[in-house]
Amino acid sequence: PAARSLPSRRHFALARLISLLRFRTKDSGAPMT
């Protein structure tokens, strides 16, 4: 599920940077529902 926030799924650099910061702050180990 953490792949939703991967920067490589974004086109523009600003969106990639926001995605990177979001990925770092999110709990990437959350269980799948």
PDB file of all heavy atoms in Angstrom:
ATOM      1  N   PRO A   1       0.809  -1.227   0.000  1.00  0.00           N
ATOM      2  CA  PRO A   1       0.000   0.000   0.000  1.00  0.00           C
ATOM      3  C   PRO A   1       0.841   1.277   0.000  1.00  0.00           C
ATOM      4  O   PRO A   1       0.402   2.309  -0.484  1.00  0.00           O
ATOM      5  CB  PRO A   1      -0.817  -0.100   1.284  1.00  0.00           C
ATOM      6  CG  PRO A   1      -0.704  -1.500   1.743  1.00  0.00           C
ATOM      7  CD  PRO A   1       0.525  -2.074   1.152  1.00  0.00           C
ATOM      8  N   ALA A   2       2.063   1.219   0.531  1.00  0.00           N
ATOM      9  CA  ALA A   2       2.923   2.401   0.568  1.00  0.00           C
ATOM     10  C   ALA A   2       3.317   2.861  -0.831  1.00  0.00           C
ATOM     11  O   ALA A   2       3.708   4.013  -1.021  1.00  0.00           O
ATOM     12  CB  ALA A   2       4.178   2.106   1.390  1.00  0.00           C
ATOM     13  N   ALA A   3       3.188   1.984  -1.825  1.00  0.00           N
ATOM     14  CA  ALA A   3       3.560   2.348  -3.197  1.00  0.00           C
ATOM     15  C   ALA A   3       2.679   3.454  -3.759  1.00  0.00           C
ATOM     16  O   ALA A   3       3.067   4.119  -4.714  1.00  0.00           O
ATOM     17  CB  ALA A   3       3.498   1.121  -4.096  1.00  0.00           C
ATOM     18  N   ARG A   4       1.520   3.685  -3.155  1.00  0.00           N
ATOM     19  CA  ARG A   4       0.662   4.784  -3.619  1.00  0.00           C
ATOM     20  C   ARG A   4       1.365   6.121  -3.494  1.00  0.00           C
ATOM     21  O   ARG A   4       1.087   7.040  -4.254  1.00  0.00           O
ATOM     22  CB  ARG A   4      -0.626   4.825  -2.805  1.00  0.00           C
ATOM     23  CG  ARG A   4      -1.544   3.700  -3.072  1.00  0.00           C
ATOM     24  CD  ARG A   4      -2.791   3.839  -2.241  1.00  0.00           C
ATOM     25  NE  ARG A   4      -3.652   2.705  -2.489  1.00  0.00           N
ATOM     26  CZ  ARG A   4      -4.608   2.323  -1.688  1.00  0.00           C
ATOM     27  NH1 ARG A   4      -4.845   2.986  -0.585  1.00  0.00           N
ATOM     28  NH2 ARG A   4      -5.347   1.278  -1.991  1.00  0.00           N
ATOM     29  N   SER A   5       2.253   6.239  -2.528  1.00  0.00           N
ATOM     30  CA  SER A   5       2.941   7.511  -2.271  1.00  0.00           C
ATOM     31  C   SER A   5       4.345   7.572  -2.854  1.00  0.00           C
ATOM     32  O   SER A   5       5.092   8.493  -2.539  1.00  0.00           O
ATOM     33  CB  SER A   5       3.024   7.751  -0.759  1.00  0.00           C
ATOM     34  OG  SER A   5       1.739   7.837  -0.209  1.00  0.00           O
ATOM     35  N   LEU A   6       4.723   6.617  -3.678  1.00  0.00           N
ATOM     36  CA  LEU A   6       6.061   6.661  -4.260  1.00  0.00           C
ATOM     37  C   LEU A   6       6.218   7.873  -5.175  1.00  0.00           C
ATOM     38  O   LEU A   6       5.337   8.166  -5.986  1.00  0.00           O
ATOM     39  CB  LEU A   6       6.347   5.389  -5.063  1.00  0.00           C
ATOM     40  CG  LEU A   6       6.667   4.143  -4.262  1.00  0.00           C
ATOM     41  CD1 LEU A   6       6.811   2.948  -5.195  1.00  0.00           C
ATOM     42  CD2 LEU A   6       7.916   4.332  -3.429  1.00  0.00           C
ATOM     43  N   PRO A   7       7.331   8.599  -5.066  1.00  0.00           N
ATOM     44  CA  PRO A   7       7.557   9.760  -5.943  1.00  0.00           C
ATOM     45  C   PRO A   7       7.602   9.403  -7.425  1.00  0.00           C
ATOM     46  O   PRO A   7       7.253  10.225  -8.262  1.00  0.00           O
ATOM     47  CB  PRO A   7       8.908  10.288  -5.469  1.00  0.00           C
ATOM     48  CG  PRO A   7       9.051   9.801  -4.078  1.00  0.00           C
ATOM     49  CD  PRO A   7       8.351   8.477  -4.033  1.00  0.00           C
ATOM     50  N   SER A   8       7.999   8.193  -7.747  1.00  0.00           N
ATOM     51  CA  SER A   8       8.101   7.818  -9.158  1.00  0.00           C
ATOM     52  C   SER A   8       6.734   7.650  -9.819  1.00  0.00           C
ATOM     53  O   SER A   8       6.657   7.447 -11.026  1.00  0.00           O
ATOM     54  CB  SER A   8       8.915   6.539  -9.308  1.00  0.00           C
ATOM     55  OG  SER A   8       8.431   5.540  -8.447  1.00  0.00           O
ATOM     56  N   ARG A   9       5.649   7.772  -9.063  1.00  0.00           N
ATOM     57  CA  ARG A   9       4.300   7.745  -9.642  1.00  0.00           C
ATOM     58  C   ARG A   9       3.816   9.150  -9.973  1.00  0.00           C
ATOM     59  O   ARG A   9       2.676   9.340 -10.355  1.00  0.00           O
ATOM     60  CB  ARG A   9       3.323   7.082  -8.672  1.00  0.00           C
ATOM     61  CG  ARG A   9       3.646   5.620  -8.426  1.00  0.00           C
ATOM     62  CD  ARG A   9       2.559   4.937  -7.667  1.00  0.00           C
ATOM     63  NE  ARG A   9       1.486   4.626  -8.610  1.00  0.00           N
ATOM     64  CZ  ARG A   9       0.208   4.660  -8.298  1.00  0.00           C
ATOM     65  NH1 ARG A   9      -0.174   4.999  -7.098  1.00  0.00           N
ATOM     66  NH2 ARG A   9      -0.695   4.366  -9.194  1.00  0.00           N
ATOM     67  N   ARG A  10       4.660  10.145  -9.830  1.00  0.00           N
ATOM     68  CA  ARG A  10       4.300  11.537 -10.089  1.00  0.00           C
ATOM     69  C   ARG A  10       5.089  12.043 -11.285  1.00  0.00           C
ATOM     70  O   ARG A  10       6.175  11.572 -11.574  1.00  0.00           O
ATOM     71  CB  ARG A  10       4.597  12.421  -8.873  1.00  0.00           C
ATOM     72  CG  ARG A  10       4.057  11.922  -7.556  1.00  0.00           C
ATOM     73  CD  ARG A  10       2.542  11.793  -7.568  1.00  0.00           C
ATOM     74  NE  ARG A  10       1.993  11.380  -6.298  1.00  0.00           N
ATOM     75  CZ  ARG A  10       1.748  10.119  -5.962  1.00  0.00           C
ATOM     76  NH1 ARG A  10       2.041   9.149  -6.762  1.00  0.00           N
ATOM     77  NH2 ARG A  10       1.197   9.841  -4.800  1.00  0.00           N
ATOM     78  N   HIS A  11       4.557  13.055 -11.944  1.00  0.00           N
ATOM     79  CA  HIS A  11       5.187  13.572 -13.156  1.00  0.00           C
ATOM     80  C   HIS A  11       6.090  14.775 -12.876  1.00  0.00           C
ATOM     81  O   HIS A  11       7.222  14.827 -13.335  1.00  0.00           O
ATOM     82  CB  HIS A  11       4.104  13.964 -14.168  1.00  0.00           C
ATOM     83  CG  HIS A  11       4.640  14.309 -15.508  1.00  0.00           C
ATOM     84  ND1 HIS A  11       4.896  13.360 -16.467  1.00  0.00           N
ATOM     85  CD2 HIS A  11       5.002  15.485 -16.049  1.00  0.00           C
ATOM     86  CE1 HIS A  11       5.378  13.939 -17.534  1.00  0.00           C
ATOM     87  NE2 HIS A  11       5.450  15.233 -17.314  1.00  0.00           N
ATOM     88  N   PHE A  12       5.600  15.736 -12.124  1.00  0.00           N
ATOM     89  CA  PHE A  12       6.331  16.979 -11.915  1.00  0.00           C
ATOM     90  C   PHE A  12       7.163  16.907 -10.632  1.00  0.00           C
ATOM     91  O   PHE A  12       6.792  16.239  -9.672  1.00  0.00           O
ATOM     92  CB  PHE A  12       5.367  18.168 -11.860  1.00  0.00           C
ATOM     93  CG  PHE A  12       4.632  18.356 -13.151  1.00  0.00           C
ATOM     94  CD1 PHE A  12       3.341  17.870 -13.310  1.00  0.00           C
ATOM     95  CD2 PHE A  12       5.230  18.979 -14.220  1.00  0.00           C
ATOM     96  CE1 PHE A  12       2.665  18.021 -14.508  1.00  0.00           C
ATOM     97  CE2 PHE A  12       4.570  19.133 -15.422  1.00  0.00           C
ATOM     98  CZ  PHE A  12       3.283  18.644 -15.568  1.00  0.00           C
ATOM     99  N   ALA A  13       8.273  17.603 -10.625  1.00  0.00           N
ATOM    100  CA  ALA A  13       9.224  17.526  -9.514  1.00  0.00           C
ATOM    101  C   ALA A  13       8.611  17.978  -8.197  1.00  0.00           C
ATOM    102  O   ALA A  13       8.874  17.380  -7.151  1.00  0.00           O
ATOM    103  CB  ALA A  13      10.470  18.364  -9.830  1.00  0.00           C
ATOM    104  N   LEU A  14       7.796  19.004  -8.213  1.00  0.00           N
ATOM    105  CA  LEU A  14       7.174  19.480  -6.980  1.00  0.00           C
ATOM    106  C   LEU A  14       6.256  18.407  -6.402  1.00  0.00           C
ATOM    107  O   LEU A  14       6.265  18.156  -5.196  1.00  0.00           O
ATOM    108  CB  LEU A  14       6.403  20.774  -7.242  1.00  0.00           C
ATOM    109  CG  LEU A  14       5.744  21.419  -6.026  1.00  0.00           C
ATOM    110  CD1 LEU A  14       6.781  21.732  -4.957  1.00  0.00           C
ATOM    111  CD2 LEU A  14       5.008  22.688  -6.439  1.00  0.00           C
ATOM    112  N   ALA A  15       5.480  17.755  -7.240  1.00  0.00           N
ATOM    113  CA  ALA A  15       4.615  16.666  -6.772  1.00  0.00           C
ATOM    114  C   ALA A  15       5.444  15.492  -6.271  1.00  0.00           C
ATOM    115  O   ALA A  15       5.075  14.833  -5.299  1.00  0.00           O
ATOM    116  CB  ALA A  15       3.682  16.224  -7.886  1.00  0.00           C
ATOM    117  N   ARG A  16       6.579  15.236  -6.901  1.00  0.00           N
ATOM    118  CA  ARG A  16       7.469  14.169  -6.435  1.00  0.00           C
ATOM    119  C   ARG A  16       8.040  14.488  -5.050  1.00  0.00           C
ATOM    120  O   ARG A  16       8.126  13.615  -4.192  1.00  0.00           O
ATOM    121  CB  ARG A  16       8.618  13.963  -7.419  1.00  0.00           C
ATOM    122  CG  ARG A  16       8.214  13.279  -8.673  1.00  0.00           C
ATOM    123  CD  ARG A  16       9.384  13.229  -9.657  1.00  0.00           C
ATOM    124  NE  ARG A  16       8.994  12.533 -10.839  1.00  0.00           N
ATOM    125  CZ  ARG A  16       9.531  11.390 -11.251  1.00  0.00           C
ATOM    126  NH1 ARG A  16      10.515  10.845 -10.585  1.00  0.00           N
ATOM    127  NH2 ARG A  16       9.103  10.797 -12.334  1.00  0.00           N
ATOM    128  N   LEU A  17       8.421  15.736  -4.850  1.00  0.00           N
ATOM    129  CA  LEU A  17       8.960  16.138  -3.556  1.00  0.00           C
ATOM    130  C   LEU A  17       7.887  16.039  -2.468  1.00  0.00           C
ATOM    131  O   LEU A  17       8.146  15.536  -1.373  1.00  0.00           O
ATOM    132  CB  LEU A  17       9.515  17.561  -3.631  1.00  0.00           C
ATOM    133  CG  LEU A  17      10.192  18.091  -2.367  1.00  0.00           C
ATOM    134  CD1 LEU A  17      11.390  17.239  -1.993  1.00  0.00           C
ATOM    135  CD2 LEU A  17      10.607  19.544  -2.569  1.00  0.00           C
ATOM    136  N   ILE A  18       6.691  16.509  -2.762  1.00  0.00           N
ATOM    137  CA  ILE A  18       5.589  16.404  -1.800  1.00  0.00           C
ATOM    138  C   ILE A  18       5.306  14.933  -1.493  1.00  0.00           C
ATOM    139  O   ILE A  18       5.095  14.555  -0.341  1.00  0.00           O
ATOM    140  CB  ILE A  18       4.335  17.120  -2.339  1.00  0.00           C
ATOM    141  CG1 ILE A  18       4.571  18.625  -2.363  1.00  0.00           C
ATOM    142  CG2 ILE A  18       3.105  16.776  -1.510  1.00  0.00           C
ATOM    143  CD1 ILE A  18       3.523  19.413  -3.119  1.00  0.00           C
ATOM    144  N   SER A  19       5.336  14.105  -2.521  1.00  0.00           N
ATOM    145  CA  SER A  19       5.113  12.678  -2.336  1.00  0.00           C
ATOM    146  C   SER A  19       6.202  12.050  -1.477  1.00  0.00           C
ATOM    147  O   SER A  19       5.921  11.204  -0.626  1.00  0.00           O
ATOM    148  CB  SER A  19       5.045  11.992  -3.697  1.00  0.00           C
ATOM    149  OG  SER A  19       4.818  10.629  -3.551  1.00  0.00           O
ATOM    150  N   LEU A  20       7.444  12.465  -1.682  1.00  0.00           N
ATOM    151  CA  LEU A  20       8.548  11.952  -0.875  1.00  0.00           C
ATOM    152  C   LEU A  20       8.363  12.321   0.592  1.00  0.00           C
ATOM    153  O   LEU A  20       8.512  11.476   1.484  1.00  0.00           O
ATOM    154  CB  LEU A  20       9.879  12.507  -1.390  1.00  0.00           C
ATOM    155  CG  LEU A  20      11.129  12.158  -0.579  1.00  0.00           C
ATOM    156  CD1 LEU A  20      11.433  10.678  -0.696  1.00  0.00           C
ATOM    157  CD2 LEU A  20      12.305  12.985  -1.039  1.00  0.00           C
ATOM    158  N   LEU A  21       8.009  13.570   0.864  1.00  0.00           N
ATOM    159  CA  LEU A  21       7.785  13.998   2.244  1.00  0.00           C
ATOM    160  C   LEU A  21       6.596  13.270   2.856  1.00  0.00           C
ATOM    161  O   LEU A  21       6.636  12.881   4.026  1.00  0.00           O
ATOM    162  CB  LEU A  21       7.583  15.513   2.297  1.00  0.00           C
ATOM    163  CG  LEU A  21       8.780  16.355   1.842  1.00  0.00           C
ATOM    164  CD1 LEU A  21       8.403  17.827   1.788  1.00  0.00           C
ATOM    165  CD2 LEU A  21       9.972  16.126   2.745  1.00  0.00           C
ATOM    166  N   ARG A  22       5.570  13.068   2.059  1.00  0.00           N
ATOM    167  CA  ARG A  22       4.387  12.347   2.531  1.00  0.00           C
ATOM    168  C   ARG A  22       4.725  10.892   2.822  1.00  0.00           C
ATOM    169  O   ARG A  22       4.244  10.312   3.791  1.00  0.00           O
ATOM    170  CB  ARG A  22       3.290  12.450   1.474  1.00  0.00           C
ATOM    171  CG  ARG A  22       1.983  11.929   1.909  1.00  0.00           C
ATOM    172  CD  ARG A  22       0.928  12.286   0.874  1.00  0.00           C
ATOM    173  NE  ARG A  22      -0.190  11.399   1.046  1.00  0.00           N
ATOM    174  CZ  ARG A  22      -0.857  10.833   0.084  1.00  0.00           C
ATOM    175  NH1 ARG A  22      -0.534  11.080  -1.162  1.00  0.00           N
ATOM    176  NH2 ARG A  22      -1.863  10.043   0.336  1.00  0.00           N
ATOM    177  N   PHE A  23       5.536  10.273   1.988  1.00  0.00           N
ATOM    178  CA  PHE A  23       5.932   8.879   2.166  1.00  0.00           C
ATOM    179  C   PHE A  23       6.713   8.724   3.463  1.00  0.00           C
ATOM    180  O   PHE A  23       6.550   7.744   4.180  1.00  0.00           O
ATOM    181  CB  PHE A  23       6.786   8.423   0.979  1.00  0.00           C
ATOM    182  CG  PHE A  23       7.078   6.947   0.977  1.00  0.00           C
ATOM    183  CD1 PHE A  23       6.206   6.077   0.347  1.00  0.00           C
ATOM    184  CD2 PHE A  23       8.207   6.439   1.586  1.00  0.00           C
ATOM    185  CE1 PHE A  23       6.463   4.721   0.328  1.00  0.00           C
ATOM    186  CE2 PHE A  23       8.472   5.080   1.572  1.00  0.00           C
ATOM    187  CZ  PHE A  23       7.594   4.216   0.933  1.00  0.00           C
ATOM    188  N   ARG A  24       7.558   9.704   3.752  1.00  0.00           N
ATOM    189  CA  ARG A  24       8.373   9.633   4.979  1.00  0.00           C
ATOM    190  C   ARG A  24       7.528   9.768   6.235  1.00  0.00           C
ATOM    191  O   ARG A  24       7.834   9.165   7.257  1.00  0.00           O
ATOM    192  CB  ARG A  24       9.421  10.734   4.968  1.00  0.00           C
ATOM    193  CG  ARG A  24      10.564  10.474   4.055  1.00  0.00           C
ATOM    194  CD  ARG A  24      11.542  11.597   4.186  1.00  0.00           C
ATOM    195  NE  ARG A  24      12.747  11.326   3.452  1.00  0.00           N
ATOM    196  CZ  ARG A  24      13.748  12.176   3.366  1.00  0.00           C
ATOM    197  NH1 ARG A  24      13.677  13.342   3.972  1.00  0.00           N
ATOM    198  NH2 ARG A  24      14.815  11.872   2.675  1.00  0.00           N
ATOM    199  N   THR A  25       6.496  10.599   6.190  1.00  0.00           N
ATOM    200  CA  THR A  25       5.693  10.848   7.386  1.00  0.00           C
ATOM    201  C   THR A  25       4.586   9.822   7.581  1.00  0.00           C
ATOM    202  O   THR A  25       4.082   9.676   8.679  1.00  0.00           O
ATOM    203  CB  THR A  25       5.049  12.253   7.345  1.00  0.00           C
ATOM    204  OG1 THR A  25       4.235  12.358   6.181  1.00  0.00           O
ATOM    205  CG2 THR A  25       6.116  13.322   7.332  1.00  0.00           C
ATOM    206  N   LYS A  26       4.199   9.105   6.524  1.00  0.00           N
ATOM    207  CA  LYS A  26       3.165   8.091   6.624  1.00  0.00           C
ATOM    208  C   LYS A  26       3.723   6.823   7.229  1.00  0.00           C
ATOM    209  O   LYS A  26       4.903   6.518   7.099  1.00  0.00           O
ATOM    210  CB  LYS A  26       2.620   7.753   5.229  1.00  0.00           C
ATOM    211  CG  LYS A  26       1.398   8.488   4.838  1.00  0.00           C
ATOM    212  CD  LYS A  26       0.988   7.999   3.491  1.00  0.00           C
ATOM    213  CE  LYS A  26      -0.479   7.739   3.461  1.00  0.00           C
ATOM    214  NZ  LYS A  26      -0.920   7.309   2.156  1.00  0.00           N
ATOM    215  N   ASP A  27       2.853   6.052   7.848  1.00  0.00           N
ATOM    216  CA  ASP A  27       3.253   4.744   8.340  1.00  0.00           C
ATOM    217  C   ASP A  27       3.199   3.768   7.181  1.00  0.00           C
ATOM    218  O   ASP A  27       2.125   3.304   6.800  1.00  0.00           O
ATOM    219  CB  ASP A  27       2.323   4.298   9.467  1.00  0.00           C
ATOM    220  CG  ASP A  27       2.729   2.954  10.043  1.00  0.00           C
ATOM    221  OD1 ASP A  27       3.877   2.533   9.836  1.00  0.00           O
ATOM    222  OD2 ASP A  27       1.883   2.345  10.697  1.00  0.00           O
ATOM    223  N   SER A  28       4.356   3.470   6.613  1.00  0.00           N
ATOM    224  CA  SER A  28       4.387   2.604   5.439  1.00  0.00           C
ATOM    225  C   SER A  28       4.205   1.140   5.812  1.00  0.00           C
ATOM    226  O   SER A  28       4.043   0.299   4.952  1.00  0.00           O
ATOM    227  CB  SER A  28       5.694   2.791   4.666  1.00  0.00           C
ATOM    228  OG  SER A  28       6.791   2.505   5.505  1.00  0.00           O
ATOM    229  N   GLY A  29       4.233   0.828   7.102  1.00  0.00           N
ATOM    230  CA  GLY A  29       4.062  -0.555   7.531  1.00  0.00           C
ATOM    231  C   GLY A  29       2.631  -0.877   7.912  1.00  0.00           C
ATOM    232  O   GLY A  29       2.373  -1.882   8.563  1.00  0.00           O
ATOM    233  N   ALA A  30       1.679  -0.048   7.523  1.00  0.00           N
ATOM    234  CA  ALA A  30       0.277  -0.278   7.866  1.00  0.00           C
ATOM    235  C   ALA A  30      -0.227  -1.542   7.178  1.00  0.00           C
ATOM    236  O   ALA A  30       0.120  -1.805   6.028  1.00  0.00           O
ATOM    237  CB  ALA A  30      -0.571   0.922   7.441  1.00  0.00           C
ATOM    238  N   PRO A  31      -1.043  -2.333   7.888  1.00  0.00           N
ATOM    239  CA  PRO A  31      -1.550  -3.565   7.269  1.00  0.00           C
ATOM    240  C   PRO A  31      -2.557  -3.253   6.163  1.00  0.00           C
ATOM    241  O   PRO A  31      -3.219  -2.228   6.183  1.00  0.00           O
ATOM    242  CB  PRO A  31      -2.241  -4.278   8.434  1.00  0.00           C
ATOM    243  CG  PRO A  31      -2.591  -3.197   9.393  1.00  0.00           C
ATOM    244  CD  PRO A  31      -1.528  -2.143   9.239  1.00  0.00           C
ATOM    245  N   MET A  32      -2.631  -4.149   5.202  1.00  0.00           N
ATOM    246  CA  MET A  32      -3.571  -3.982   4.101  1.00  0.00           C
ATOM    247  C   MET A  32      -4.971  -4.338   4.583  1.00  0.00           C
ATOM    248  O   MET A  32      -5.148  -5.289   5.339  1.00  0.00           O
ATOM    249  CB  MET A  32      -3.179  -4.878   2.917  1.00  0.00           C
ATOM    250  CG  MET A  32      -1.930  -4.420   2.238  1.00  0.00           C
ATOM    251  SD  MET A  32      -1.510  -5.252   0.686  1.00  0.00           S
ATOM    252  CE  MET A  32      -2.541  -6.621   0.543  1.00  0.00           C
ATOM    253  N   THR A  33      -5.957  -3.599   4.144  1.00  0.00           N
ATOM    254  CA  THR A  33      -7.345  -3.867   4.511  1.00  0.00           C
ATOM    255  C   THR A  33      -8.086  -4.539   3.363  1.00  0.00           C
ATOM    256  O   THR A  33      -9.304  -4.572   3.362  1.00  0.00           O
ATOM    257  CB  THR A  33      -8.055  -2.554   4.896  1.00  0.00           C
ATOM    258  OG1 THR A  33      -7.962  -1.667   3.793  1.00  0.00           O
ATOM    259  CG2 THR A  33      -7.418  -1.932   6.114  1.00  0.00           C
TER     260      THR A  33
END
